[in-house]
Amino acid sequence: MKLKNLVGDRFKERPADCVIDSHAFTVRGGYIKYVANGIYSLYPPMKRITKKIEQIIREEMDAIDGQEVLFPVALPGSLWEESGRFESVGEELLRFRDRNDSQMVLGMTHEEASVQLVREYGQTYTKYPFMIYQIQTKFRDEARPRAGLIRVREFTMKDAYSFHTSQEDLDRYYDICYKAYNRIFQRAGVPEVIAVKSDSGMMGGSVSHEYMLLADAGEDSIVICPECGYRSNMEAAENQTDNTDSREAGKLEKVYTPHCKTIEEVVDFLDVPVENSCKAVMYQKNSNDQYVIVFLRGDYEVNETKLTNYLGEKVHPAVVTAESGIAAGFTGPYQLTADCQVLYDASLKGIEYLTCGANEENYHYKGLNIARDIGEVEYLDLAKIQTGGICPCCGKKTIQVKRGIEVGNIFQLGTKYTQSMNMTYTDADGSIKYPIMGCYGIGVGRLAASVCEARHDDNGPIWPISIAPWQVHLCCMRVDQEACKAAADQLYDALQKAGVEVIYDDRDIRAGAMFADADLLGVPVRVVIGPKNLKNGQFELTTRDKKISKLADLDRAVEEIQAVIQELFAEINAKVED
């Protein structure tokens, strides 16, 4: 490919709406084109990158006995009604009616389609286990798409579904997929991706993991213990609290606290540590607007995923009305008469002395003792774990909270979909059973953008050799000089004949502009043919990451370049698990 013929432009200025580097570089470098909110077209460089990622995925899925299939993008709503998700999934699922007035959906995930495909095939135990996978376009009507390909509405995804006759067999295969995913990310050049325990969310199931690339641009909070290796998504991490240093119990006393509504204002006014405060966080159920009040220690935040999992339905921040009987800003658990569901977080357990709202404007209580003044309550894990918190695994106060980008996920779905969609098989003893499922997903475009986020400098991406759009970027510095142009042309032809993927820049432009474009394209090996070195029969050979920079003999150019390519592949393969 000659750069002058490459569709797509590169430019210097950073777009104002690009808040993270990978988004800026993929726009500036001619990788993606905005079409609509959360929807992009891919220019040739990004298409070449995603094609290589897809090939890595196919090889790893085939290696663990996966069989590639293809599901439709548009699906009948009746399939989602069978599983119960047509109504339970929110506005992220795009629903529409076709010309026959039939209810349709655009697939955001394909559990229903996978069951429908193999429901008749898998009627006997002798067919199991098996795994099917696809690489397909999906559509999720994301409310707040952002960051280029990292959070979009339309995307390409590999999703796989395995079917088993026992939990033991699913556990066995889940571990195989777990390791295959590690290899995929390692081969893609980001071996630092980690697997964390996660919440299954709308997918259902009891066991799930997310694969996270730690990055400041990430939207997910990852909980890590450096002592024991514990890793979890914030939504799934159990919060444990040490309240052994709490104040001794005192008498309950109502105190006038004018204009003190926030925890900070209250503890400052009452001269009480925030660890001895009880705050109220109010929600309403989406189904009927019933108020739900969560009481927790003042220095913690509610984990809304834990809350919705406990309630079994979604909630939204409360709109407190005069008729509710709730004194907003002064709400406490003692003598609370409002019609609401009250929940207590475990962060309050064991605290003998608390400050809390008095359910009357401008008044708080101090000295509240829940066991004495309220009675026996059920304590729930509803709070977010914090940096410095107690590790649920080793019990040390070593928890760190970092940011991460989710690049893949795996779930043990159990019989959630096979049972709801009546997929059964006859077992060896003649009994009728439901197959047990696993589900395994990777976002292709998101992975490409995440690699860019992890592998770049101030000038552009540094693509790993395994997924780079081209392996070699050949620059002819003086196309107006016959000898220089002839040498570059000859090397271009030789590299192509040797099977090397090469992008050739033979434009008559300034060196600075040529190198700026090369940086934006991020090709791992750069070859520069210039008059000065050509006089000595040499050329400049460098890598995009600057680790290799040398002069090499032009008469051995192909061998020298291939050796560097092999070295870069070896670096990646050395980090791939067996």
Protein backbone atom coordinates (compact mmCIF):
# COMPACT_ATOMS: atom_id res chain seq x y z
CA MET A 1 0.00 0.00 0.00
CA LYS A 2 1.24 3.46 -0.89
CA LEU A 3 0.41 6.09 1.67
CA LYS A 4 -0.63 8.59 -0.97
CA ASN A 5 -3.44 6.20 -1.97
CA LEU A 6 -4.59 5.46 1.59
CA VAL A 7 -8.19 6.55 2.18
CA GLY A 8 -8.45 8.84 5.20
CA ASP A 9 -6.63 11.98 6.29
CA ARG A 10 -4.28 12.63 9.19
CA PHE A 11 -4.07 15.97 10.94
CA LYS A 12 -2.18 17.69 13.74
CA GLU A 13 -4.89 19.32 15.84
CA ARG A 14 -6.51 17.40 18.69
CA PRO A 15 -10.32 17.42 18.34
CA ALA A 16 -11.99 19.29 21.18
CA ASP A 17 -14.46 16.46 21.92
CA CYS A 18 -11.75 13.79 22.36
CA VAL A 19 -11.22 13.51 26.11
CA ILE A 20 -8.86 10.51 26.05
CA ASP A 21 -5.74 9.89 23.98
CA SER A 22 -6.91 6.79 22.12
CA HIS A 23 -9.97 8.64 20.84
CA ALA A 24 -7.88 11.61 19.74
CA PHE A 25 -5.27 9.49 17.97
CA THR A 26 -7.79 7.28 16.15
CA VAL A 27 -9.57 10.38 14.87
CA ARG A 28 -6.39 12.31 14.02
CA GLY A 29 -4.71 9.29 12.46
CA GLY A 30 -7.48 8.46 10.00
CA TYR A 31 -8.71 5.31 11.76
CA ILE A 32 -12.36 6.12 12.47
CA LYS A 33 -15.01 8.51 11.17
CA TYR A 34 -17.90 9.79 13.29
CA VAL A 35 -21.29 8.88 11.82
CA ALA A 36 -23.70 9.41 14.71
CA ASN A 37 -23.57 9.40 18.49
CA GLY A 38 -21.66 6.23 19.41
CA ILE A 39 -21.49 5.04 15.79
CA TYR A 40 -18.32 5.10 13.67
CA SER A 41 -17.10 3.96 10.27
CA LEU A 42 -13.65 2.37 10.15
CA TYR A 43 -10.98 3.55 7.74
CA PRO A 44 -8.51 0.96 6.33
CA PRO A 45 -5.92 1.16 9.16
CA MET A 46 -8.47 0.35 11.88
CA LYS A 47 -10.10 -2.30 9.72
CA ARG A 48 -6.72 -3.98 9.29
CA ILE A 49 -6.14 -3.85 13.06
CA THR A 50 -9.53 -5.31 13.96
CA LYS A 51 -9.13 -8.01 11.29
CA LYS A 52 -5.91 -9.14 12.99
CA ILE A 53 -7.56 -9.10 16.41
CA GLU A 54 -10.39 -11.20 15.02
CA GLN A 55 -7.89 -13.68 13.61
CA ILE A 56 -6.18 -14.05 16.99
CA ILE A 57 -9.59 -14.62 18.58
CA ARG A 58 -10.57 -17.21 15.96
CA GLU A 59 -7.34 -19.12 16.41
CA GLU A 60 -7.75 -19.25 20.18
CA MET A 61 -11.45 -20.18 20.02
CA ASP A 62 -10.78 -22.89 17.45
CA ALA A 63 -7.96 -24.22 19.65
CA ILE A 64 -10.44 -24.90 22.45
CA ASP A 65 -12.89 -26.67 20.13
CA GLY A 66 -15.05 -23.66 19.36
CA GLN A 67 -17.16 -23.75 16.21
CA GLU A 68 -17.82 -20.48 14.42
CA VAL A 69 -21.43 -19.61 13.58
CA LEU A 70 -23.24 -16.41 12.70
CA PHE A 71 -26.42 -15.06 14.27
CA PRO A 72 -28.66 -12.36 12.78
CA VAL A 73 -28.33 -8.75 13.92
CA ALA A 74 -32.11 -8.23 13.73
CA LEU A 75 -33.99 -10.74 15.87
CA PRO A 76 -37.67 -11.38 16.53
CA GLY A 77 -38.79 -9.95 19.84
CA SER A 78 -40.47 -13.28 20.58
CA LEU A 79 -37.05 -14.84 21.30
CA TRP A 80 -36.38 -12.23 23.97
CA GLU A 81 -39.89 -12.72 25.32
CA GLU A 82 -39.09 -16.41 25.76
CA SER A 83 -36.10 -15.58 27.96
CA GLY A 84 -37.98 -12.85 29.82
CA ARG A 85 -35.51 -10.18 28.81
CA PHE A 86 -37.71 -8.33 26.33
CA GLU A 87 -39.29 -6.42 29.20
CA SER A 88 -36.60 -6.72 31.88
CA VAL A 89 -33.82 -5.13 29.81
CA GLY A 90 -34.07 -1.36 29.72
CA GLU A 91 -33.77 1.15 26.90
CA GLU A 92 -30.36 -0.22 25.91
CA LEU A 93 -32.25 -2.83 23.87
CA LEU A 94 -33.38 -1.23 20.61
CA ARG A 95 -36.90 -2.43 19.82
CA PHE A 96 -38.74 -1.78 16.56
CA ARG A 97 -41.51 -3.15 14.36
CA ASP A 98 -41.04 -4.39 10.82
CA ARG A 99 -43.45 -3.84 7.88
CA ASN A 100 -45.58 -6.76 9.09
CA ASP A 101 -45.93 -5.09 12.49
CA SER A 102 -43.87 -7.84 14.10
CA GLN A 103 -41.87 -6.84 17.16
CA MET A 104 -38.11 -6.94 16.45
CA VAL A 105 -34.92 -6.13 18.33
CA LEU A 106 -31.35 -5.37 17.36
CA GLY A 107 -29.12 -7.90 19.09
CA MET A 108 -27.00 -6.41 21.86
CA THR A 109 -26.08 -9.92 22.95
CA HIS A 110 -27.06 -13.31 21.54
CA GLU A 111 -27.87 -15.77 24.34
CA GLU A 112 -31.40 -16.21 23.01
CA ALA A 113 -30.19 -16.72 19.44
CA SER A 114 -27.63 -19.30 20.53
CA VAL A 115 -30.24 -21.35 22.38
CA GLN A 116 -32.61 -21.10 19.41
CA LEU A 117 -29.86 -22.34 17.07
CA VAL A 118 -29.02 -25.52 18.98
CA ARG A 119 -32.30 -26.25 20.76
CA GLU A 120 -33.22 -29.10 18.43
CA TYR A 121 -29.63 -30.27 17.91
CA GLY A 122 -28.90 -30.75 21.62
CA GLN A 123 -31.75 -33.11 22.54
CA THR A 124 -29.52 -35.95 23.75
CA TYR A 125 -26.64 -36.04 26.21
CA THR A 126 -24.39 -37.57 23.54
CA LYS A 127 -24.17 -34.18 21.78
CA TYR A 128 -22.51 -32.47 24.75
CA PRO A 129 -20.35 -30.57 25.52
CA PHE A 130 -19.93 -28.09 22.66
CA MET A 131 -19.12 -24.42 22.15
CA ILE A 132 -20.25 -22.10 19.38
CA TYR A 133 -18.99 -18.58 18.76
CA GLN A 134 -19.46 -15.69 16.37
CA ILE A 135 -17.85 -12.36 15.52
CA GLN A 136 -20.75 -10.07 14.72
CA THR A 137 -22.11 -6.54 14.80
CA LYS A 138 -24.10 -5.66 17.91
CA PHE A 139 -26.17 -2.66 18.85
CA ARG A 140 -26.62 -1.40 22.39
CA ASP A 141 -28.45 1.90 22.71
CA GLU A 142 -25.93 3.25 25.20
CA ALA A 143 -27.18 6.36 26.98
CA ARG A 144 -23.78 8.07 27.17
CA PRO A 145 -21.41 6.85 24.46
CA ARG A 146 -17.94 8.36 24.76
CA ALA A 147 -14.23 7.85 24.17
CA GLY A 148 -14.36 6.78 20.54
CA LEU A 149 -14.54 3.00 20.17
CA ILE A 150 -14.31 2.34 23.89
CA ARG A 151 -17.95 3.13 24.62
CA VAL A 152 -20.19 2.99 21.56
CA ARG A 153 -23.67 1.98 20.50
CA GLU A 154 -22.78 -0.13 17.47
CA PHE A 155 -19.81 -2.46 17.86
CA THR A 156 -18.23 -5.70 16.72
CA MET A 157 -18.00 -8.42 19.32
CA LYS A 158 -16.92 -11.99 19.64
CA ASP A 159 -19.40 -13.86 21.79
CA ALA A 160 -19.20 -17.56 22.53
CA TYR A 161 -21.66 -19.92 24.20
CA SER A 162 -20.83 -23.31 25.66
CA PHE A 163 -23.35 -26.00 26.59
CA HIS A 164 -22.80 -28.70 29.23
CA THR A 165 -24.56 -31.51 31.06
CA SER A 166 -23.00 -30.85 34.46
CA GLN A 167 -21.68 -27.99 36.56
CA GLU A 168 -18.37 -29.85 36.85
CA ASP A 169 -17.98 -29.86 33.08
CA LEU A 170 -18.84 -26.14 32.87
CA ASP A 171 -16.25 -25.43 35.57
CA ARG A 172 -13.68 -27.38 33.58
CA TYR A 173 -14.42 -25.53 30.35
CA TYR A 174 -14.75 -22.15 32.07
CA ASP A 175 -11.14 -22.53 33.22
CA ILE A 176 -10.09 -23.41 29.66
CA CYS A 177 -11.78 -20.26 28.33
CA TYR A 178 -10.27 -18.23 31.16
CA LYS A 179 -6.80 -19.24 30.00
CA ALA A 180 -7.64 -18.77 26.31
CA TYR A 181 -8.70 -15.21 27.07
CA ASN A 182 -5.38 -14.57 28.79
CA ARG A 183 -3.63 -15.74 25.62
CA ILE A 184 -5.77 -13.53 23.40
CA PHE A 185 -4.83 -10.39 25.29
CA GLN A 186 -1.20 -11.44 25.55
CA ARG A 187 -1.04 -12.06 21.80
CA ALA A 188 -2.70 -8.69 21.16
CA GLY A 189 0.18 -7.02 22.99
CA VAL A 190 -1.46 -6.17 26.32
CA PRO A 191 -0.36 -8.92 28.74
CA GLU A 192 -1.13 -6.61 31.67
CA VAL A 193 -4.87 -7.22 31.22
CA ILE A 194 -6.17 -8.79 34.42
CA ALA A 195 -9.25 -10.88 35.21
CA VAL A 196 -11.42 -9.64 38.06
CA LYS A 197 -14.45 -11.05 39.79
CA SER A 198 -17.54 -9.22 38.54
CA ASP A 199 -21.28 -8.82 38.88
CA SER A 200 -23.28 -10.79 36.33
CA GLY A 201 -25.83 -8.03 35.81
CA MET A 202 -28.50 -8.63 33.18
CA MET A 203 -26.60 -11.67 31.89
CA GLY A 204 -27.55 -13.67 34.96
CA GLY A 205 -25.59 -16.57 36.38
CA SER A 206 -23.57 -17.04 39.52
CA VAL A 207 -19.90 -16.82 38.46
CA SER A 208 -18.44 -14.14 36.22
CA HIS A 209 -15.16 -12.39 35.48
CA GLU A 210 -14.25 -9.26 33.60
CA TYR A 211 -10.94 -8.72 31.85
CA MET A 212 -9.65 -5.27 32.65
CA LEU A 213 -6.89 -3.15 31.19
CA LEU A 214 -5.78 -0.81 33.96
CA ALA A 215 -5.86 2.73 32.58
CA ASP A 216 -6.66 6.17 33.93
CA ALA A 217 -9.15 6.58 31.07
CA GLY A 218 -11.18 3.60 32.26
CA GLU A 219 -14.71 4.01 33.57
CA ASP A 220 -14.70 0.91 35.76
CA SER A 221 -13.33 0.83 39.29
CA ILE A 222 -11.14 -2.20 39.96
CA VAL A 223 -10.42 -3.46 43.47
CA ILE A 224 -6.98 -4.99 43.95
CA CYS A 225 -5.09 -6.38 46.93
CA PRO A 226 -1.33 -6.38 46.27
CA GLU A 227 -0.76 -8.66 49.26
CA CYS A 228 -2.78 -11.71 48.22
CA GLY A 229 -3.68 -10.98 44.60
CA TYR A 230 -7.41 -10.50 45.19
CA ARG A 231 -9.05 -8.72 42.24
CA SER A 232 -12.64 -7.70 41.74
CA ASN A 233 -14.87 -5.23 40.00
CA MET A 234 -16.15 -2.58 42.42
CA GLU A 235 -19.72 -3.86 41.96
CA ALA A 236 -18.80 -7.34 43.19
CA ALA A 237 -16.27 -6.51 45.93
CA GLU A 238 -17.45 -7.23 49.47
CA ASN A 239 -16.92 -4.28 51.81
CA GLN A 240 -15.70 -5.09 55.31
CA THR A 241 -15.40 -2.49 58.05
CA ASP A 242 -13.37 -2.39 61.24
CA ASN A 243 -15.38 -0.56 63.90
CA THR A 244 -13.41 -1.76 66.92
CA ASP A 245 -12.14 1.76 67.71
CA SER A 246 -15.63 3.21 67.86
CA ARG A 247 -16.63 5.58 70.68
CA GLU A 248 -18.22 4.12 73.76
CA ALA A 249 -21.99 4.26 74.03
CA GLY A 250 -23.57 7.44 75.37
CA LYS A 251 -27.06 8.71 75.95
CA LEU A 252 -29.26 9.59 73.00
CA GLU A 253 -29.51 13.36 72.71
CA LYS A 254 -31.39 15.52 70.22
CA VAL A 255 -29.34 18.51 69.10
CA TYR A 256 -30.26 21.66 67.20
CA THR A 257 -28.12 21.69 64.05
CA PRO A 258 -29.18 24.70 61.98
CA HIS A 259 -28.53 24.38 58.24
CA CYS A 260 -26.41 21.23 58.66
CA LYS A 261 -27.52 18.83 55.96
CA THR A 262 -24.35 17.17 54.70
CA ILE A 263 -22.29 14.68 56.68
CA GLU A 264 -19.33 17.05 56.64
CA GLU A 265 -21.41 19.87 58.10
CA VAL A 266 -22.97 17.66 60.78
CA VAL A 267 -19.77 16.01 62.08
CA ASP A 268 -17.98 19.35 62.08
CA PHE A 269 -20.80 21.03 64.01
CA LEU A 270 -21.08 18.17 66.54
CA ASP A 271 -17.32 17.59 66.74
CA VAL A 272 -17.72 13.86 66.03
CA PRO A 273 -15.50 11.69 63.77
CA VAL A 274 -17.10 10.84 60.46
CA GLU A 275 -16.62 7.16 61.37
CA ASN A 276 -19.26 7.73 64.05
CA SER A 277 -21.85 9.16 61.72
CA CYS A 278 -24.81 7.52 60.05
CA LYS A 279 -26.03 8.98 56.79
CA ALA A 280 -29.15 8.30 54.77
CA VAL A 281 -29.10 7.76 51.00
CA MET A 282 -32.55 7.73 49.43
CA TYR A 283 -33.84 6.00 46.32
CA GLN A 284 -37.15 5.09 44.72
CA LYS A 285 -37.97 1.80 43.04
CA ASN A 286 -38.51 2.11 39.32
CA SER A 287 -41.51 -0.22 39.45
CA ASN A 288 -43.70 1.68 41.90
CA ASP A 289 -41.71 4.69 43.20
CA GLN A 290 -41.61 3.25 46.72
CA TYR A 291 -38.93 4.99 48.79
CA VAL A 292 -35.89 2.99 49.82
CA ILE A 293 -33.56 4.47 52.44
CA VAL A 294 -30.09 3.04 52.93
CA PHE A 295 -28.35 3.92 56.19
CA LEU A 296 -24.58 3.55 56.18
CA ARG A 297 -21.48 4.98 57.79
CA GLY A 298 -20.91 8.56 56.79
CA ASP A 299 -17.61 8.00 54.97
CA TYR A 300 -18.99 5.32 52.63
CA GLU A 301 -20.98 5.41 49.40
CA VAL A 302 -23.81 3.13 48.32
CA ASN A 303 -22.93 0.51 45.73
CA GLU A 304 -26.04 0.72 43.57
CA THR A 305 -25.37 -2.61 41.88
CA LYS A 306 -25.41 -4.35 45.24
CA LEU A 307 -28.60 -2.47 46.12
CA THR A 308 -30.45 -3.42 42.94
CA ASN A 309 -29.27 -7.03 43.25
CA TYR A 310 -30.67 -7.17 46.78
CA LEU A 311 -33.96 -5.54 45.83
CA GLY A 312 -34.28 -7.53 42.62
CA GLU A 313 -35.17 -4.41 40.66
CA LYS A 314 -33.73 -1.10 39.54
CA VAL A 315 -33.93 2.13 41.49
CA HIS A 316 -33.39 5.84 40.86
CA PRO A 317 -32.39 8.72 43.15
CA ALA A 318 -35.35 9.77 45.25
CA VAL A 319 -37.38 12.87 44.62
CA VAL A 320 -38.49 13.73 48.14
CA THR A 321 -41.91 15.36 48.32
CA ALA A 322 -43.68 17.01 51.23
CA GLU A 323 -46.19 14.15 51.28
CA SER A 324 -43.46 11.54 51.78
CA GLY A 325 -42.93 12.32 55.45
CA ILE A 326 -39.16 12.32 54.87
CA ALA A 327 -37.10 15.22 56.20
CA ALA A 328 -34.50 15.48 53.47
CA GLY A 329 -31.05 16.22 54.89
CA PHE A 330 -32.17 15.29 58.39
CA THR A 331 -33.24 11.67 57.93
CA GLY A 332 -32.27 9.09 60.53
CA PRO A 333 -33.30 5.57 61.54
CA TYR A 334 -34.62 6.49 65.01
CA GLN A 335 -38.41 7.05 65.07
CA LEU A 336 -38.59 7.15 61.28
CA THR A 337 -42.30 7.03 60.43
CA ALA A 338 -42.23 7.58 56.67
CA ASP A 339 -43.62 4.86 54.43
CA CYS A 340 -40.39 3.42 53.04
CA GLN A 341 -38.18 0.36 52.95
CA VAL A 342 -35.26 0.78 55.34
CA LEU A 343 -31.93 -1.00 54.81
CA TYR A 344 -28.85 -0.99 57.04
CA ASP A 345 -25.36 -1.36 55.64
CA ALA A 346 -22.85 -3.53 57.48
CA SER A 347 -20.54 -0.51 57.87
CA LEU A 348 -22.74 0.50 60.85
CA LYS A 349 -22.41 -2.84 62.63
CA GLY A 350 -20.67 -2.66 65.99
CA ILE A 351 -20.67 1.14 66.30
CA GLU A 352 -21.85 2.07 69.81
CA TYR A 353 -22.14 5.83 69.28
CA LEU A 354 -23.60 7.44 66.16
CA THR A 355 -24.82 10.78 64.96
CA CYS A 356 -27.82 10.74 62.63
CA GLY A 357 -30.73 12.79 61.42
CA ALA A 358 -33.64 13.34 63.81
CA ASN A 359 -36.30 13.30 61.08
CA GLU A 360 -36.99 16.93 61.85
CA GLU A 361 -35.56 19.88 60.00
CA ASN A 362 -32.48 21.42 61.68
CA TYR A 363 -32.16 18.59 64.23
CA HIS A 364 -29.86 15.59 64.61
CA TYR A 365 -29.30 12.94 67.24
CA LYS A 366 -25.99 12.11 68.81
CA GLY A 367 -25.33 9.02 70.89
CA LEU A 368 -27.52 6.73 68.79
CA ASN A 369 -26.95 3.05 69.55
CA ILE A 370 -28.76 0.95 66.97
CA ALA A 371 -29.01 -2.20 69.10
CA ARG A 372 -30.33 -0.24 72.11
CA ASP A 373 -32.47 2.42 70.44
CA ILE A 374 -33.82 0.62 67.40
CA GLY A 375 -33.43 -3.07 68.14
CA GLU A 376 -32.22 -5.98 66.07
CA VAL A 377 -31.68 -5.11 62.42
CA GLU A 378 -30.37 -7.01 59.40
CA TYR A 379 -27.02 -5.69 58.20
CA LEU A 380 -26.36 -5.93 54.46
CA ASP A 381 -23.32 -5.42 52.26
CA LEU A 382 -24.44 -2.36 50.28
CA ALA A 383 -21.39 -0.05 50.37
CA LYS A 384 -18.52 0.50 47.97
CA ILE A 385 -15.15 -0.74 49.15
CA GLN A 386 -12.49 1.97 49.48
CA THR A 387 -8.75 2.33 49.08
CA GLY A 388 -7.17 1.23 52.34
CA GLY A 389 -10.12 -1.00 53.10
CA ILE A 390 -10.06 -4.59 54.34
CA CYS A 391 -9.33 -7.23 51.73
CA PRO A 392 -12.18 -9.79 51.68
CA CYS A 393 -9.61 -12.49 50.92
CA CYS A 394 -6.62 -11.98 53.23
CA GLY A 395 -8.19 -9.58 55.75
CA LYS A 396 -5.43 -6.96 55.53
CA LYS A 397 -6.13 -3.25 55.09
CA THR A 398 -4.37 -3.18 51.75
CA ILE A 399 -7.14 -2.61 49.21
CA GLN A 400 -6.32 -0.39 46.24
CA VAL A 401 -8.96 1.00 43.87
CA LYS A 402 -7.81 1.62 40.31
CA ARG A 403 -9.43 2.57 37.02
CA GLY A 404 -9.82 0.06 34.20
CA ILE A 405 -11.29 -0.53 30.75
CA GLU A 406 -13.33 -3.71 30.36
CA VAL A 407 -12.05 -5.56 27.28
CA GLY A 408 -13.75 -8.92 27.81
CA ASN A 409 -16.00 -10.92 30.10
CA ILE A 410 -16.92 -14.51 30.85
CA PHE A 411 -20.02 -15.78 32.67
CA GLN A 412 -21.36 -19.02 34.04
CA LEU A 413 -25.00 -18.66 33.04
CA GLY A 414 -26.31 -21.91 34.48
CA THR A 415 -29.76 -22.82 33.13
CA LYS A 416 -31.14 -19.26 33.04
CA TYR A 417 -31.69 -19.32 29.27
CA THR A 418 -32.12 -23.01 28.55
CA GLN A 419 -34.83 -23.33 31.17
CA SER A 420 -36.71 -20.16 30.24
CA MET A 421 -36.55 -21.13 26.55
CA ASN A 422 -37.34 -24.80 27.18
CA MET A 423 -34.16 -26.29 25.76
CA THR A 424 -33.89 -29.82 27.15
CA TYR A 425 -31.96 -33.03 26.55
CA THR A 426 -32.46 -36.64 27.48
CA ASP A 427 -29.78 -37.84 29.88
CA ALA A 428 -28.20 -41.32 29.97
CA ASP A 429 -30.73 -42.46 32.56
CA GLY A 430 -33.67 -41.24 30.46
CA SER A 431 -34.39 -38.16 32.55
CA ILE A 432 -35.07 -34.78 30.95
CA LYS A 433 -32.68 -32.00 31.94
CA TYR A 434 -31.73 -28.46 31.01
CA PRO A 435 -28.24 -27.85 29.59
CA ILE A 436 -25.92 -25.59 31.58
CA MET A 437 -24.40 -22.64 29.70
CA GLY A 438 -21.31 -20.51 29.75
CA CYS A 439 -20.91 -17.20 27.89
CA TYR A 440 -17.68 -15.51 26.78
CA GLY A 441 -17.39 -12.07 25.11
CA ILE A 442 -14.71 -9.75 23.72
CA GLY A 443 -15.32 -6.35 22.13
CA VAL A 444 -13.08 -6.16 19.06
CA GLY A 445 -13.12 -2.41 18.46
CA ARG A 446 -12.91 -1.69 22.17
CA LEU A 447 -9.85 -3.92 22.45
CA ALA A 448 -8.18 -2.06 19.56
CA ALA A 449 -8.87 1.31 21.18
CA SER A 450 -7.73 0.00 24.57
CA VAL A 451 -4.43 -1.19 23.13
CA CYS A 452 -3.97 2.32 21.72
CA GLU A 453 -4.74 3.76 25.15
CA ALA A 454 -2.07 1.54 26.70
CA ARG A 455 0.49 1.77 23.90
CA HIS A 456 1.09 5.35 22.77
CA ASP A 457 3.36 8.32 23.25
CA ASP A 458 2.73 12.03 22.74
CA ASN A 459 2.84 11.62 18.96
CA GLY A 460 0.54 8.67 18.36
CA PRO A 461 -0.10 4.95 18.83
CA ILE A 462 2.64 2.35 19.20
CA TRP A 463 0.88 -0.69 17.80
CA PRO A 464 2.12 -4.14 18.83
CA ILE A 465 3.46 -6.04 15.82
CA SER A 466 0.74 -8.69 16.18
CA ILE A 467 -2.12 -6.30 15.45
CA ALA A 468 -0.42 -3.35 13.73
CA PRO A 469 -2.07 -2.19 10.49
CA TRP A 470 1.26 -2.79 8.71
CA GLN A 471 4.53 -4.26 9.91
CA VAL A 472 6.82 -1.78 8.16
CA HIS A 473 6.51 1.92 7.34
CA LEU A 474 8.88 2.78 4.47
CA CYS A 475 9.78 6.46 4.05
CA CYS A 476 11.49 7.85 0.96
CA MET A 477 12.99 11.15 2.06
CA ARG A 478 13.80 12.58 -1.39
CA VAL A 479 11.49 11.41 -4.13
CA ASP A 480 12.93 14.15 -6.32
CA GLN A 481 16.32 12.38 -6.34
CA GLU A 482 16.34 9.49 -8.75
CA ALA A 483 18.75 7.26 -6.79
CA CYS A 484 16.83 7.67 -3.54
CA LYS A 485 13.45 7.01 -5.17
CA ALA A 486 14.79 4.00 -7.07
CA ALA A 487 16.28 2.46 -3.92
CA ALA A 488 13.04 2.95 -2.00
CA ASP A 489 10.93 1.56 -4.85
CA GLN A 490 13.19 -1.47 -5.13
CA LEU A 491 12.99 -2.15 -1.38
CA TYR A 492 9.20 -1.72 -1.45
CA ASP A 493 8.93 -4.37 -4.17
CA ALA A 494 11.34 -6.70 -2.36
CA LEU A 495 9.44 -6.45 0.92
CA GLN A 496 6.14 -7.19 -0.76
CA LYS A 497 7.61 -10.24 -2.50
CA ALA A 498 8.94 -11.43 0.86
CA GLY A 499 5.42 -11.25 2.32
CA VAL A 500 6.13 -8.26 4.58
CA GLU A 501 3.17 -5.94 5.22
CA VAL A 502 4.46 -2.52 4.21
CA ILE A 503 3.02 0.97 3.86
CA TYR A 504 5.17 3.08 1.54
CA ASP A 505 5.34 6.87 1.78
CA ASP A 506 6.77 8.26 -1.46
CA ARG A 507 5.03 11.63 -1.29
CA ASP A 508 6.99 14.78 -2.04
CA ILE A 509 6.51 16.42 1.36
CA ARG A 510 8.61 17.75 4.24
CA ALA A 511 10.36 15.22 6.47
CA GLY A 512 8.52 16.55 9.52
CA ALA A 513 5.12 15.97 7.95
CA MET A 514 6.16 12.52 6.76
CA PHE A 515 7.35 11.47 10.22
CA ALA A 516 4.27 12.99 11.90
CA ASP A 517 2.06 10.79 9.72
CA ALA A 518 4.26 7.80 10.48
CA ASP A 519 3.86 8.43 14.21
CA LEU A 520 0.08 8.63 13.88
CA LEU A 521 -0.05 5.36 11.97
CA GLY A 522 2.06 3.75 14.69
CA VAL A 523 3.60 1.04 12.50
CA PRO A 524 6.15 -0.82 14.66
CA VAL A 525 9.09 -0.89 12.20
CA ARG A 526 10.18 2.25 10.35
CA VAL A 527 12.57 2.19 7.40
CA VAL A 528 13.97 5.49 6.13
CA ILE A 529 15.76 5.78 2.77
CA GLY A 530 17.64 9.07 2.55
CA PRO A 531 20.43 10.47 0.35
CA LYS A 532 22.99 10.78 3.15
CA ASN A 533 22.91 7.14 4.26
CA LEU A 534 22.36 5.92 0.72
CA LYS A 535 25.82 7.17 -0.23
CA ASN A 536 27.19 4.57 2.18
CA GLY A 537 24.82 1.87 0.96
CA GLN A 538 22.81 2.06 4.19
CA PHE A 539 19.35 2.89 5.46
CA GLU A 540 17.90 3.83 8.84
CA LEU A 541 16.02 1.11 10.70
CA THR A 542 14.08 2.04 13.86
CA THR A 543 11.15 0.79 15.86
CA ARG A 544 8.20 2.97 16.78
CA ASP A 545 8.93 2.51 20.49
CA LYS A 546 12.55 3.72 19.96
CA LYS A 547 14.03 0.56 21.47
CA ILE A 548 15.84 -0.23 18.21
CA SER A 549 17.59 2.44 16.15
CA LYS A 550 20.42 1.56 13.80
CA LEU A 551 21.91 1.87 10.33
CA ALA A 552 21.80 -1.27 8.22
CA ASP A 553 23.22 -2.29 4.87
CA LEU A 554 20.82 -1.80 2.01
CA ASP A 555 21.95 -4.99 0.25
CA ARG A 556 20.68 -6.95 3.28
CA ALA A 557 17.63 -4.80 3.88
CA VAL A 558 14.96 -7.48 3.66
CA GLU A 559 16.86 -9.82 6.01
CA GLU A 560 17.53 -7.02 8.50
CA ILE A 561 13.90 -5.91 8.50
CA GLN A 562 12.56 -9.45 8.83
CA ALA A 563 14.90 -10.05 11.76
CA VAL A 564 13.46 -7.05 13.61
CA ILE A 565 9.92 -8.17 12.86
CA GLN A 566 10.72 -11.61 14.23
CA GLU A 567 12.26 -10.05 17.31
CA LEU A 568 9.11 -8.02 17.98
CA PHE A 569 6.92 -11.10 17.57
CA ALA A 570 9.24 -13.03 19.91
CA GLU A 571 8.81 -10.35 22.59
CA ILE A 572 5.05 -10.77 22.45
CA ASN A 573 5.11 -14.57 22.25
CA ALA A 574 7.41 -14.77 25.28
CA LYS A 575 4.52 -13.40 27.36
CA VAL A 576 1.90 -15.80 26.01
CA GLU A 577 0.92 -18.60 28.38
CA ASP A 578 1.25 -22.21 27.25
